Amino acid sequence: MTGLDIDCTDAGTHEEAHEVIEEDADAELQQELQQLKERLEECEKRADSSFAQLQRLQADFANYKKRTAKETVDSIEYANEEIILSLLDVVDNFDRALDSVQQNNDVSAVKKGIEMIFQQLWDVLEKEDVVPIEAVGETFDPHLHETVVRVQSDVASDTVVEELQRGYKYKSKVIRPCMVKVAK
């Protein structure tokens, strides 16, 4: 054999070896591809599960927002219910007093009944932190008093000499200033 001679048996073996290597590589690629497919399916399942969980959380949050909004509206709408119930007791007592006036001519008893109702009304207001603003003898304060007229007086200038309408504070806020006469 010369160097140019090719042994067919060797060439066949070489091709067969290539085929075996290619088959092994194909098998490895197929196995790796199968593993990647399985991993992809697992990731898709996890993503679907996470997405479903996210959708449930979004729905829960939307329901929570709706529920709290309704509770807030209800709370605002019925915030005065307790004070109204207290005032209805006062109204009931006024009804009884009016009935009593028609049946009884005793002015002192009627007066006493009205004083009791007036005290009951003040108890309700005080419970709600409503307090009258002191005016007569006080120095004029534009945050608490509203001047209706200025008058000549023996007291110092800017002193409230007469209260024409009582003013009130609710907690720390002036809800109605006093209408007053003030010394010049």
N, C-alpha and C. Protein backbone atom coordinates (compact mmCIF):
# COMPACT_ATOMS: atom_id res chain seq x y z
N MET A 1 0.82 -1.18 0.00
CA MET A 1 0.00 0.00 0.00
C MET A 1 0.85 1.22 0.00
N THR A 2 0.43 2.15 -0.80
CA THR A 2 1.13 3.41 -0.87
C THR A 2 0.40 4.40 0.00
N GLY A 3 0.97 5.56 0.14
CA GLY A 3 0.35 6.58 0.96
C GLY A 3 -0.93 7.07 0.33
N LEU A 4 -1.10 6.83 -1.00
CA LEU A 4 -2.29 7.30 -1.68
C LEU A 4 -3.43 6.29 -1.59
N ASP A 5 -3.07 5.14 -1.25
CA ASP A 5 -4.10 4.12 -1.16
C ASP A 5 -4.97 4.39 0.07
N ILE A 6 -6.23 4.26 -0.09
CA ILE A 6 -7.16 4.46 1.02
C ILE A 6 -7.78 3.13 1.35
N ASP A 7 -7.72 2.82 2.56
CA ASP A 7 -8.31 1.58 3.02
C ASP A 7 -9.79 1.85 3.27
N CYS A 8 -10.64 1.17 2.54
CA CYS A 8 -12.07 1.36 2.63
C CYS A 8 -12.59 0.96 4.00
N THR A 9 -11.96 0.00 4.56
CA THR A 9 -12.42 -0.43 5.85
C THR A 9 -12.17 0.66 6.88
N ASP A 10 -11.01 1.34 6.73
CA ASP A 10 -10.72 2.43 7.65
C ASP A 10 -11.69 3.59 7.43
N ALA A 11 -11.98 3.90 6.18
CA ALA A 11 -12.89 5.00 5.88
C ALA A 11 -14.28 4.69 6.41
N GLY A 12 -14.73 3.50 6.27
CA GLY A 12 -16.03 3.12 6.78
C GLY A 12 -16.07 3.22 8.29
N THR A 13 -15.03 2.85 8.92
CA THR A 13 -14.97 2.91 10.36
C THR A 13 -14.98 4.36 10.80
N HIS A 14 -14.28 5.18 10.07
CA HIS A 14 -14.22 6.61 10.39
C HIS A 14 -15.61 7.25 10.25
N GLU A 15 -16.32 6.92 9.19
CA GLU A 15 -17.67 7.45 9.00
C GLU A 15 -18.61 6.92 10.07
N GLU A 16 -18.46 5.66 10.37
CA GLU A 16 -19.28 5.06 11.40
C GLU A 16 -19.03 5.75 12.74
N ALA A 17 -17.74 6.04 12.97
CA ALA A 17 -17.38 6.72 14.22
C ALA A 17 -18.05 8.09 14.25
N HIS A 18 -18.02 8.79 13.10
CA HIS A 18 -18.70 10.10 13.03
C HIS A 18 -20.19 9.95 13.28
N GLU A 19 -20.79 8.92 12.69
CA GLU A 19 -22.21 8.69 12.89
C GLU A 19 -22.52 8.39 14.35
N VAL A 20 -21.66 7.59 14.98
CA VAL A 20 -21.86 7.26 16.40
C VAL A 20 -21.72 8.52 17.24
N ILE A 21 -20.70 9.33 16.91
CA ILE A 21 -20.50 10.58 17.65
C ILE A 21 -21.70 11.49 17.44
N GLU A 22 -22.15 11.58 16.18
CA GLU A 22 -23.31 12.43 15.89
C GLU A 22 -24.55 11.90 16.61
N GLU A 23 -24.73 10.59 16.62
CA GLU A 23 -25.88 10.01 17.31
C GLU A 23 -25.80 10.28 18.80
N ASP A 24 -24.58 10.14 19.37
CA ASP A 24 -24.40 10.44 20.79
C ASP A 24 -24.70 11.92 21.05
N ALA A 25 -24.18 12.78 20.16
CA ALA A 25 -24.42 14.22 20.31
C ALA A 25 -25.91 14.51 20.17
N ASP A 26 -26.55 13.87 19.19
CA ASP A 26 -28.00 14.05 19.02
C ASP A 26 -28.75 13.57 20.26
N ALA A 27 -28.34 12.46 20.81
CA ALA A 27 -28.99 11.92 22.00
C ALA A 27 -28.80 12.87 23.18
N GLU A 28 -27.59 13.39 23.32
CA GLU A 28 -27.32 14.35 24.39
C GLU A 28 -28.14 15.62 24.19
N LEU A 29 -28.18 16.09 22.93
CA LEU A 29 -28.98 17.29 22.62
C LEU A 29 -30.46 17.02 22.87
N GLN A 30 -30.91 15.84 22.47
CA GLN A 30 -32.31 15.50 22.70
C GLN A 30 -32.62 15.45 24.20
N GLN A 31 -31.68 14.85 24.96
CA GLN A 31 -31.87 14.76 26.41
C GLN A 31 -31.85 16.16 27.03
N GLU A 32 -30.90 16.98 26.58
CA GLU A 32 -30.83 18.36 27.10
C GLU A 32 -32.07 19.15 26.70
N LEU A 33 -32.51 18.95 25.47
CA LEU A 33 -33.72 19.62 24.99
C LEU A 33 -34.93 19.17 25.82
N GLN A 34 -35.01 17.88 26.12
CA GLN A 34 -36.10 17.36 26.93
C GLN A 34 -36.07 17.98 28.33
N GLN A 35 -34.87 18.10 28.91
CA GLN A 35 -34.72 18.71 30.23
C GLN A 35 -35.15 20.17 30.19
N LEU A 36 -34.76 20.88 29.14
CA LEU A 36 -35.16 22.29 29.00
C LEU A 36 -36.67 22.42 28.84
N LYS A 37 -37.28 21.51 28.09
CA LYS A 37 -38.73 21.54 27.94
C LYS A 37 -39.42 21.32 29.29
N GLU A 38 -38.90 20.34 30.05
CA GLU A 38 -39.48 20.06 31.36
C GLU A 38 -39.33 21.27 32.29
N ARG A 39 -38.15 21.86 32.23
CA ARG A 39 -37.90 23.05 33.08
C ARG A 39 -38.81 24.21 32.66
N LEU A 40 -38.98 24.39 31.35
CA LEU A 40 -39.86 25.43 30.84
C LEU A 40 -41.30 25.20 31.31
N GLU A 41 -41.76 23.96 31.23
CA GLU A 41 -43.11 23.64 31.71
C GLU A 41 -43.25 23.95 33.19
N GLU A 42 -42.23 23.60 33.97
CA GLU A 42 -42.25 23.89 35.41
C GLU A 42 -42.30 25.39 35.66
N CYS A 43 -41.50 26.15 34.92
CA CYS A 43 -41.50 27.62 35.07
C CYS A 43 -42.84 28.22 34.66
N GLU A 44 -43.43 27.67 33.59
CA GLU A 44 -44.74 28.16 33.15
C GLU A 44 -45.80 27.89 34.21
N LYS A 45 -45.74 26.71 34.84
CA LYS A 45 -46.69 26.38 35.90
C LYS A 45 -46.53 27.34 37.07
N ARG A 46 -45.26 27.61 37.45
CA ARG A 46 -45.01 28.54 38.55
C ARG A 46 -45.48 29.95 38.19
N ALA A 47 -45.24 30.37 36.95
CA ALA A 47 -45.68 31.69 36.51
C ALA A 47 -47.20 31.78 36.51
N ASP A 48 -47.87 30.73 36.03
CA ASP A 48 -49.34 30.71 36.04
C ASP A 48 -49.87 30.77 37.47
N SER A 49 -49.24 30.02 38.36
CA SER A 49 -49.65 30.02 39.76
C SER A 49 -49.46 31.41 40.38
N SER A 50 -48.31 32.01 40.11
CA SER A 50 -48.03 33.36 40.64
C SER A 50 -49.01 34.38 40.06
N PHE A 51 -49.32 34.24 38.77
CA PHE A 51 -50.25 35.17 38.14
C PHE A 51 -51.66 35.02 38.74
N ALA A 52 -52.07 33.78 38.98
CA ALA A 52 -53.39 33.55 39.59
C ALA A 52 -53.42 34.12 41.00
N GLN A 53 -52.33 33.95 41.74
CA GLN A 53 -52.25 34.51 43.09
C GLN A 53 -52.31 36.03 43.04
N LEU A 54 -51.62 36.62 42.09
CA LEU A 54 -51.65 38.08 41.92
C LEU A 54 -53.06 38.56 41.60
N GLN A 55 -53.76 37.85 40.74
CA GLN A 55 -55.13 38.23 40.40
C GLN A 55 -56.04 38.16 41.63
N ARG A 56 -55.87 37.12 42.47
CA ARG A 56 -56.67 37.01 43.69
C ARG A 56 -56.36 38.17 44.63
N LEU A 57 -55.08 38.49 44.76
CA LEU A 57 -54.69 39.61 45.63
C LEU A 57 -55.27 40.93 45.12
N GLN A 58 -55.25 41.12 43.81
CA GLN A 58 -55.82 42.35 43.25
C GLN A 58 -57.32 42.40 43.51
N ALA A 59 -58.00 41.29 43.36
CA ALA A 59 -59.44 41.25 43.62
C ALA A 59 -59.72 41.50 45.10
N ASP A 60 -58.92 40.88 45.98
CA ASP A 60 -59.09 41.11 47.41
C ASP A 60 -58.88 42.58 47.76
N PHE A 61 -57.85 43.18 47.16
CA PHE A 61 -57.57 44.59 47.45
C PHE A 61 -58.68 45.49 46.93
N ALA A 62 -59.19 45.19 45.74
CA ALA A 62 -60.31 45.98 45.20
C ALA A 62 -61.53 45.86 46.11
N ASN A 63 -61.81 44.66 46.59
CA ASN A 63 -62.94 44.47 47.52
C ASN A 63 -62.70 45.22 48.82
N TYR A 64 -61.47 45.18 49.31
CA TYR A 64 -61.12 45.91 50.54
C TYR A 64 -61.35 47.41 50.36
N LYS A 65 -60.91 47.95 49.22
CA LYS A 65 -61.11 49.38 48.97
C LYS A 65 -62.59 49.73 48.92
N LYS A 66 -63.39 48.90 48.26
CA LYS A 66 -64.84 49.15 48.17
C LYS A 66 -65.47 49.10 49.56
N ARG A 67 -65.07 48.08 50.35
CA ARG A 67 -65.65 47.92 51.68
C ARG A 67 -65.29 49.10 52.59
N THR A 68 -64.02 49.51 52.57
CA THR A 68 -63.62 50.63 53.44
C THR A 68 -64.25 51.94 52.97
N ALA A 69 -64.41 52.11 51.67
CA ALA A 69 -65.08 53.32 51.16
C ALA A 69 -66.53 53.34 51.64
N LYS A 70 -67.21 52.21 51.58
CA LYS A 70 -68.60 52.15 52.05
C LYS A 70 -68.67 52.40 53.56
N GLU A 71 -67.73 51.81 54.31
CA GLU A 71 -67.72 52.03 55.76
C GLU A 71 -67.47 53.50 56.08
N THR A 72 -66.60 54.14 55.32
CA THR A 72 -66.33 55.57 55.53
C THR A 72 -67.56 56.40 55.24
N VAL A 73 -68.24 56.12 54.15
CA VAL A 73 -69.46 56.85 53.80
C VAL A 73 -70.52 56.64 54.88
N ASP A 74 -70.69 55.39 55.30
CA ASP A 74 -71.67 55.10 56.36
C ASP A 74 -71.30 55.82 57.65
N SER A 75 -70.05 55.80 57.96
CA SER A 75 -69.58 56.44 59.19
C SER A 75 -69.84 57.95 59.16
N ILE A 76 -69.61 58.57 58.02
CA ILE A 76 -69.86 60.01 57.89
C ILE A 76 -71.37 60.27 57.91
N GLU A 77 -72.11 59.44 57.18
CA GLU A 77 -73.55 59.64 57.08
C GLU A 77 -74.25 59.50 58.42
N TYR A 78 -73.78 58.57 59.24
CA TYR A 78 -74.45 58.31 60.52
C TYR A 78 -73.63 58.78 61.72
N ALA A 79 -72.69 59.68 61.49
CA ALA A 79 -71.82 60.17 62.57
C ALA A 79 -72.60 60.87 63.67
N ASN A 80 -73.67 61.53 63.32
CA ASN A 80 -74.44 62.31 64.30
C ASN A 80 -75.58 61.52 64.95
N GLU A 81 -75.64 60.24 64.68
CA GLU A 81 -76.75 59.43 65.18
C GLU A 81 -76.87 59.50 66.71
N GLU A 82 -75.75 59.38 67.41
CA GLU A 82 -75.79 59.37 68.87
C GLU A 82 -76.30 60.70 69.42
N ILE A 83 -75.82 61.80 68.88
CA ILE A 83 -76.28 63.12 69.37
C ILE A 83 -77.75 63.33 69.03
N ILE A 84 -78.17 62.85 67.87
CA ILE A 84 -79.58 63.00 67.50
C ILE A 84 -80.46 62.23 68.47
N LEU A 85 -80.02 61.02 68.84
CA LEU A 85 -80.79 60.25 69.82
C LEU A 85 -80.90 61.00 71.15
N SER A 86 -79.80 61.65 71.55
CA SER A 86 -79.83 62.44 72.80
C SER A 86 -80.77 63.62 72.67
N LEU A 87 -80.76 64.25 71.50
CA LEU A 87 -81.65 65.40 71.29
C LEU A 87 -83.11 64.97 71.21
N LEU A 88 -83.36 63.78 70.74
CA LEU A 88 -84.75 63.28 70.70
C LEU A 88 -85.31 63.13 72.11
N ASP A 89 -84.46 62.79 73.08
CA ASP A 89 -84.92 62.75 74.47
C ASP A 89 -85.36 64.14 74.93
N VAL A 90 -84.61 65.15 74.51
CA VAL A 90 -84.96 66.53 74.86
C VAL A 90 -86.29 66.91 74.20
N VAL A 91 -86.45 66.54 72.93
CA VAL A 91 -87.70 66.83 72.22
C VAL A 91 -88.88 66.15 72.92
N ASP A 92 -88.68 64.90 73.34
CA ASP A 92 -89.75 64.20 74.06
C ASP A 92 -90.16 64.96 75.32
N ASN A 93 -89.16 65.47 76.03
CA ASN A 93 -89.46 66.23 77.25
C ASN A 93 -90.17 67.54 76.93
N PHE A 94 -89.82 68.18 75.82
CA PHE A 94 -90.55 69.39 75.41
C PHE A 94 -92.00 69.05 75.09
N ASP A 95 -92.22 67.92 74.42
CA ASP A 95 -93.60 67.50 74.15
C ASP A 95 -94.39 67.32 75.44
N ARG A 96 -93.78 66.66 76.41
CA ARG A 96 -94.46 66.46 77.69
C ARG A 96 -94.72 67.79 78.39
N ALA A 97 -93.76 68.73 78.28
CA ALA A 97 -93.92 70.05 78.91
C ALA A 97 -95.08 70.80 78.26
N LEU A 98 -95.17 70.74 76.94
CA LEU A 98 -96.28 71.42 76.25
C LEU A 98 -97.62 70.81 76.64
N ASP A 99 -97.67 69.49 76.75
CA ASP A 99 -98.91 68.85 77.21
C ASP A 99 -99.26 69.31 78.63
N SER A 100 -98.23 69.43 79.45
CA SER A 100 -98.43 69.84 80.83
C SER A 100 -98.96 71.27 80.91
N VAL A 101 -98.48 72.15 80.03
CA VAL A 101 -98.94 73.54 80.02
C VAL A 101 -100.43 73.59 79.71
N GLN A 102 -100.87 72.77 78.78
CA GLN A 102 -102.29 72.76 78.41
C GLN A 102 -103.17 72.22 79.53
N GLN A 103 -102.62 71.28 80.33
CA GLN A 103 -103.42 70.66 81.39
C GLN A 103 -103.25 71.36 82.73
N ASN A 104 -102.17 72.08 82.91
CA ASN A 104 -101.86 72.64 84.22
C ASN A 104 -101.61 74.14 84.09
N ASN A 105 -102.21 74.93 84.89
CA ASN A 105 -102.01 76.37 84.84
C ASN A 105 -100.95 76.84 85.84
N ASP A 106 -100.25 75.93 86.46
CA ASP A 106 -99.22 76.27 87.45
C ASP A 106 -97.96 76.72 86.73
N VAL A 107 -97.75 78.03 86.66
CA VAL A 107 -96.61 78.62 85.94
C VAL A 107 -95.28 78.17 86.54
N SER A 108 -95.22 78.05 87.86
CA SER A 108 -93.95 77.66 88.50
C SER A 108 -93.57 76.23 88.11
N ALA A 109 -94.55 75.33 87.97
CA ALA A 109 -94.27 73.95 87.56
C ALA A 109 -93.79 73.91 86.11
N VAL A 110 -94.42 74.72 85.26
CA VAL A 110 -94.02 74.80 83.86
C VAL A 110 -92.60 75.35 83.75
N LYS A 111 -92.33 76.41 84.53
CA LYS A 111 -91.00 77.02 84.53
C LYS A 111 -89.96 75.99 84.97
N LYS A 112 -90.25 75.27 86.03
CA LYS A 112 -89.32 74.26 86.53
C LYS A 112 -89.08 73.17 85.46
N GLY A 113 -90.12 72.77 84.77
CA GLY A 113 -90.00 71.76 83.70
C GLY A 113 -89.12 72.26 82.56
N ILE A 114 -89.33 73.50 82.18
CA ILE A 114 -88.52 74.09 81.09
C ILE A 114 -87.07 74.21 81.51
N GLU A 115 -86.81 74.58 82.75
CA GLU A 115 -85.44 74.67 83.26
C GLU A 115 -84.77 73.29 83.23
N MET A 116 -85.52 72.26 83.57
CA MET A 116 -84.97 70.90 83.56
C MET A 116 -84.63 70.47 82.13
N ILE A 117 -85.50 70.82 81.19
CA ILE A 117 -85.25 70.48 79.78
C ILE A 117 -84.03 71.25 79.27
N PHE A 118 -83.95 72.53 79.65
CA PHE A 118 -82.81 73.36 79.25
C PHE A 118 -81.51 72.74 79.78
N GLN A 119 -81.51 72.28 81.01
CA GLN A 119 -80.33 71.64 81.60
C GLN A 119 -80.00 70.34 80.87
N GLN A 120 -81.04 69.60 80.51
CA GLN A 120 -80.83 68.35 79.78
C GLN A 120 -80.17 68.63 78.42
N LEU A 121 -80.63 69.68 77.75
CA LEU A 121 -80.05 70.06 76.47
C LEU A 121 -78.59 70.46 76.64
N TRP A 122 -78.29 71.22 77.69
CA TRP A 122 -76.90 71.62 77.95
C TRP A 122 -76.03 70.41 78.25
N ASP A 123 -76.57 69.44 78.95
CA ASP A 123 -75.82 68.21 79.23
C ASP A 123 -75.42 67.51 77.93
N VAL A 124 -76.36 67.47 76.99
CA VAL A 124 -76.07 66.85 75.68
C VAL A 124 -74.96 67.63 74.98
N LEU A 125 -75.08 68.96 74.96
CA LEU A 125 -74.07 69.79 74.28
C LEU A 125 -72.70 69.68 74.96
N GLU A 126 -72.68 69.70 76.27
CA GLU A 126 -71.40 69.58 76.98
C GLU A 126 -70.75 68.22 76.73
N LYS A 127 -71.56 67.19 76.66
CA LYS A 127 -71.03 65.86 76.36
C LYS A 127 -70.35 65.84 74.99
N GLU A 128 -70.83 66.66 74.09
CA GLU A 128 -70.27 66.76 72.74
C GLU A 128 -69.17 67.83 72.65
N ASP A 129 -68.73 68.35 73.79
CA ASP A 129 -67.67 69.37 73.87
C ASP A 129 -68.07 70.71 73.25
N VAL A 130 -69.34 71.07 73.40
CA VAL A 130 -69.80 72.39 72.99
C VAL A 130 -69.83 73.24 74.25
N VAL A 131 -69.15 74.41 74.19
CA VAL A 131 -69.11 75.30 75.36
C VAL A 131 -69.40 76.72 74.91
N PRO A 132 -70.07 77.50 75.79
CA PRO A 132 -70.33 78.89 75.44
C PRO A 132 -69.04 79.71 75.57
N ILE A 133 -68.99 80.77 74.79
CA ILE A 133 -67.85 81.70 74.84
C ILE A 133 -68.21 82.84 75.78
N GLU A 134 -67.34 83.11 76.72
CA GLU A 134 -67.56 84.23 77.64
C GLU A 134 -67.33 85.53 76.88
N ALA A 135 -68.17 86.52 77.14
CA ALA A 135 -68.05 87.76 76.37
C ALA A 135 -68.07 89.00 77.27
N VAL A 136 -69.12 89.21 78.06
CA VAL A 136 -69.29 90.45 78.82
C VAL A 136 -68.12 90.61 79.80
N GLY A 137 -67.51 91.81 79.73
CA GLY A 137 -66.38 92.12 80.59
C GLY A 137 -65.04 91.69 80.01
N GLU A 138 -65.06 90.91 78.94
CA GLU A 138 -63.83 90.44 78.30
C GLU A 138 -63.34 91.47 77.29
N THR A 139 -62.05 91.44 77.00
CA THR A 139 -61.50 92.29 75.94
C THR A 139 -61.95 91.71 74.61
N PHE A 140 -62.34 92.60 73.69
CA PHE A 140 -62.82 92.19 72.38
C PHE A 140 -61.75 91.35 71.68
N ASP A 141 -62.15 90.18 71.18
CA ASP A 141 -61.27 89.29 70.43
C ASP A 141 -61.98 88.95 69.12
N PRO A 142 -61.44 89.40 67.98
CA PRO A 142 -62.14 89.17 66.70
C PRO A 142 -62.30 87.68 66.36
N HIS A 143 -61.54 86.82 67.01
CA HIS A 143 -61.69 85.38 66.77
C HIS A 143 -62.88 84.80 67.53
N LEU A 144 -63.30 85.50 68.59
CA LEU A 144 -64.39 85.00 69.43
C LEU A 144 -65.64 85.86 69.35
N HIS A 145 -65.46 87.13 69.03
CA HIS A 145 -66.57 88.09 69.09
C HIS A 145 -66.79 88.75 67.73
N GLU A 146 -68.04 89.10 67.50
CA GLU A 146 -68.39 89.87 66.31
C GLU A 146 -69.07 91.15 66.79
N THR A 147 -68.43 92.28 66.47
CA THR A 147 -68.97 93.56 66.93
C THR A 147 -70.17 93.95 66.10
N VAL A 148 -71.27 94.24 66.80
CA VAL A 148 -72.48 94.71 66.14
C VAL A 148 -72.49 96.24 66.20
N VAL A 149 -72.10 96.76 67.37
CA VAL A 149 -72.10 98.21 67.55
C VAL A 149 -71.05 98.58 68.60
N ARG A 150 -70.50 99.79 68.46
CA ARG A 150 -69.58 100.34 69.47
C ARG A 150 -70.36 101.41 70.23
N VAL A 151 -70.22 101.38 71.56
CA VAL A 151 -70.99 102.30 72.41
C VAL A 151 -70.05 103.01 73.38
N GLN A 152 -70.52 104.19 73.83
CA GLN A 152 -69.81 104.91 74.89
C GLN A 152 -70.04 104.15 76.18
N SER A 153 -68.99 104.04 76.98
CA SER A 153 -69.14 103.30 78.23
C SER A 153 -68.08 103.74 79.22
N ASP A 154 -68.31 103.41 80.50
CA ASP A 154 -67.37 103.74 81.56
C ASP A 154 -66.19 102.77 81.60
N VAL A 155 -66.28 101.65 80.90
CA VAL A 155 -65.21 100.64 80.93
C VAL A 155 -64.16 100.95 79.88
N ALA A 156 -63.05 100.24 79.95
CA ALA A 156 -61.94 100.46 79.02
C ALA A 156 -62.38 100.19 77.59
N SER A 157 -61.71 100.89 76.69
CA SER A 157 -61.98 100.72 75.26
C SER A 157 -61.74 99.26 74.86
N ASP A 158 -62.50 98.78 73.91
CA ASP A 158 -62.43 97.41 73.40
C ASP A 158 -62.88 96.35 74.41
N THR A 159 -63.66 96.75 75.39
CA THR A 159 -64.22 95.80 76.34
C THR A 159 -65.66 95.50 75.91
N VAL A 160 -66.02 94.24 75.95
CA VAL A 160 -67.38 93.83 75.60
C VAL A 160 -68.30 94.26 76.74
N VAL A 161 -69.33 95.07 76.38
CA VAL A 161 -70.24 95.57 77.41
C VAL A 161 -71.59 94.85 77.41
N GLU A 162 -71.93 94.23 76.27
CA GLU A 162 -73.21 93.51 76.22
C GLU A 162 -73.12 92.41 75.17
N GLU A 163 -73.75 91.28 75.53
CA GLU A 163 -73.81 90.15 74.60
C GLU A 163 -75.20 90.12 73.99
N LEU A 164 -75.27 90.23 72.65
CA LEU A 164 -76.56 90.22 71.96
C LEU A 164 -76.96 88.79 71.54
N GLN A 165 -75.95 87.99 71.24
CA GLN A 165 -76.20 86.59 70.92
C GLN A 165 -74.97 85.80 71.39
N ARG A 166 -75.23 84.74 72.12
CA ARG A 166 -74.15 83.94 72.69
C ARG A 166 -73.38 83.21 71.58
N GLY A 167 -72.08 83.11 71.76
CA GLY A 167 -71.23 82.37 70.84
C GLY A 167 -70.82 81.04 71.45
N TYR A 168 -70.38 80.11 70.60
CA TYR A 168 -70.04 78.77 71.07
C TYR A 168 -68.79 78.24 70.39
N LYS A 169 -68.10 77.38 71.15
CA LYS A 169 -66.97 76.63 70.61
C LYS A 169 -67.36 75.16 70.60
N TYR A 170 -66.93 74.49 69.56
CA TYR A 170 -67.06 73.04 69.48
C TYR A 170 -65.65 72.50 69.51
N LYS A 171 -65.31 71.82 70.61
CA LYS A 171 -63.95 71.39 70.90
C LYS A 171 -63.11 72.66 70.97
N SER A 172 -62.14 72.86 70.07
CA SER A 172 -61.33 74.08 70.13
C SER A 172 -61.70 75.07 69.03
N LYS A 173 -62.69 74.76 68.23
CA LYS A 173 -63.07 75.61 67.10
C LYS A 173 -64.28 76.48 67.45
N VAL A 174 -64.20 77.75 67.08
CA VAL A 174 -65.35 78.65 67.25
C VAL A 174 -66.34 78.31 66.15
N ILE A 175 -67.52 77.85 66.55
CA ILE A 175 -68.53 77.51 65.54
C ILE A 175 -69.53 78.65 65.34
N ARG A 176 -69.61 79.53 66.34
CA ARG A 176 -70.43 80.73 66.21
C ARG A 176 -69.85 81.78 67.15
N PRO A 177 -69.37 82.90 66.59
CA PRO A 177 -68.84 83.95 67.47
C PRO A 177 -69.98 84.67 68.19
N CYS A 178 -69.64 85.31 69.30
CA CYS A 178 -70.63 86.10 70.06
C CYS A 178 -70.91 87.38 69.28
N MET A 179 -72.17 87.77 69.23
CA MET A 179 -72.52 89.09 68.68
C MET A 179 -72.57 90.03 69.88
N VAL A 180 -71.74 91.08 69.84
CA VAL A 180 -71.55 91.89 71.06
C VAL A 180 -71.57 93.38 70.77
N LYS A 181 -71.79 94.14 71.86
CA LYS A 181 -71.59 95.59 71.86
C LYS A 181 -70.25 95.80 72.55
N VAL A 182 -69.42 96.69 71.97
CA VAL A 182 -68.07 96.92 72.48
C VAL A 182 -67.91 98.39 72.83
N ALA A 183 -67.19 98.63 73.92
CA ALA A 183 -66.94 100.01 74.36
C ALA A 183 -65.98 100.69 73.39
N LYS A 184 -66.27 102.01 73.15
CA LYS A 184 -65.39 102.83 72.30
C LYS A 184 -64.15 103.21 73.04
